[in-house]
C-alpha cells in the first residue's frame, strides 16, 4: 500500500490501477464536481486534497453527511480502478480513518 496524492493517481492512472493506495484528504460528499475522476455508482462521493479531487466508491464514513460535508480530514485506503475513458476512482476496502485537524 502506497501513500500518495490525488494528482499522482490522476496524472499516472496506468501505474496505479489495481494497486492498493492510501490517500489523505477532505471529505466533500456529494457537493461540487470532480471532472478529473468519474462516478461508478450514484452514491460515490468526492475526496479532495491540495492537488486535486477523486471519486470514492464504497462506504461513506460514519458520522458524516454527504449532503452537508464539513470538509472532514480523512484517510482513505482502497484500490485504484479505471473506467473505459481512462478516469480513475478509488474503491474503499477498509474503514475510513478520521485524522485530527
Protein backbone atom coordinates (compact mmCIF):
# COMPACT_ATOMS: atom_id res chain seq x y z
CA UNK A 1 0.00 0.00 0.00
CA UNK A 2 1.42 3.36 -1.08
CA UNK A 3 0.60 6.79 0.39
CA UNK A 4 0.19 9.24 -2.48
CA UNK A 5 -1.57 12.41 -3.59
CA UNK A 6 -4.65 12.55 -5.78
CA UNK A 7 -2.67 14.29 -8.54
CA UNK A 8 -0.24 11.35 -8.66
CA UNK A 9 -3.13 8.92 -9.27
CA UNK A 10 -4.89 11.09 -11.86
CA UNK A 11 -1.65 12.03 -13.62
CA UNK A 12 -0.46 8.44 -13.99
CA UNK A 13 -3.50 6.20 -13.66
CA UNK A 14 -1.85 3.34 -15.54
CA UNK A 15 0.80 2.96 -12.84
CA UNK A 16 -1.75 2.75 -10.03
CA UNK A 17 -4.59 0.65 -11.49
CA UNK A 18 -5.33 -2.36 -9.28
CA UNK A 19 -2.84 -1.14 -6.67
CA UNK A 20 -3.72 -0.55 -3.03
CA UNK A 21 -3.25 3.11 -2.12
CA UNK A 22 -3.66 5.32 0.90
CA UNK A 23 -4.79 8.93 0.32
CA UNK A 24 -5.29 11.69 2.86
CA UNK A 25 -7.77 14.42 2.08
CA UNK A 26 -11.00 16.22 2.85
CA UNK A 27 -14.49 14.75 2.62
CA UNK A 28 -16.58 16.68 0.06
CA UNK A 29 -19.52 14.26 -0.06
CA UNK A 30 -21.85 14.79 -2.99
CA UNK A 31 -21.16 18.54 -3.23
CA UNK A 32 -19.31 20.05 -6.13
CA UNK A 33 -17.90 18.46 -9.26
CA UNK A 34 -14.78 16.47 -9.90
CA UNK A 35 -14.09 16.39 -13.66
CA UNK A 36 -10.74 14.61 -13.21
CA UNK A 37 -12.50 11.48 -11.93
CA UNK A 38 -15.81 9.69 -12.58
CA UNK A 39 -18.65 8.06 -10.69
CA UNK A 40 -19.03 4.29 -10.64
CA UNK A 41 -22.34 4.48 -8.76
CA UNK A 42 -24.70 7.34 -7.87
CA UNK A 43 -23.68 7.08 -4.22
CA UNK A 44 -19.97 7.74 -4.88
CA UNK A 45 -18.51 10.71 -3.04
CA UNK A 46 -15.62 13.13 -3.52
CA UNK A 47 -12.28 13.24 -1.70
CA UNK A 48 -10.14 16.34 -2.22
CA UNK A 49 -6.58 17.20 -1.28
CA UNK A 50 -4.38 20.18 -2.17
CA UNK A 51 -3.52 18.53 -5.51
CA UNK A 52 -6.99 17.63 -6.84
CA UNK A 53 -10.12 15.54 -6.33
CA UNK A 54 -11.19 11.96 -6.95
CA UNK A 55 -14.41 9.96 -6.59
CA UNK A 56 -14.53 7.28 -3.92
CA UNK A 57 -16.81 4.29 -4.33
CA UNK A 58 -17.85 2.34 -1.28
CA UNK A 59 -18.94 3.16 2.23
CA UNK A 60 -19.41 6.74 3.30
CA UNK A 61 -17.51 7.34 6.56
CA UNK A 62 -19.64 7.00 9.72
CA UNK A 63 -20.82 10.28 11.20
CA UNK A 64 -20.53 12.47 8.11
CA UNK A 65 -23.25 13.74 5.79
CA UNK A 66 -22.71 13.51 2.02
CA UNK A 67 -25.37 16.22 1.63
CA UNK A 68 -23.70 18.56 4.14
CA UNK A 69 -19.98 17.79 4.09
CA UNK A 70 -17.87 19.72 6.60
CA UNK A 71 -14.52 19.05 4.91
CA UNK A 72 -13.65 16.35 7.44
CA UNK A 73 -9.97 15.33 7.27
CA UNK A 74 -9.84 11.60 6.49
CA UNK A 75 -7.53 8.83 5.36
CA UNK A 76 -8.89 6.54 2.64
CA UNK A 77 -7.38 3.16 1.82
CA UNK A 78 -8.50 1.35 -1.28
CA UNK A 79 -7.82 0.03 -4.76
CA UNK A 80 -7.48 2.28 -7.80
CA UNK A 81 -9.86 1.44 -10.65
CA UNK A 82 -10.10 2.95 -14.15
CA UNK A 83 -13.11 3.36 -16.43
CA UNK A 84 -13.19 2.96 -20.21
CA UNK A 85 -12.41 6.69 -20.59
CA UNK A 86 -9.22 6.30 -18.57
CA UNK A 87 -10.52 8.14 -15.49
CA UNK A 88 -9.54 6.99 -12.01
CA UNK A 89 -11.60 6.20 -8.94
CA UNK A 90 -10.74 4.60 -5.59
CA UNK A 91 -12.74 1.64 -4.29
CA UNK A 92 -12.66 1.73 -0.49
CA UNK A 93 -11.72 -1.61 1.02
CA UNK A 94 -11.46 -0.83 4.70
CA UNK A 95 -12.98 1.60 7.18
CA UNK A 96 -12.05 5.24 6.78
CA UNK A 97 -9.92 6.84 9.48
CA UNK A 98 -10.56 10.36 10.70
CA UNK A 99 -7.42 12.45 11.16
CA UNK A 100 -7.20 15.18 13.76
CA UNK A 101 -7.39 18.69 12.28
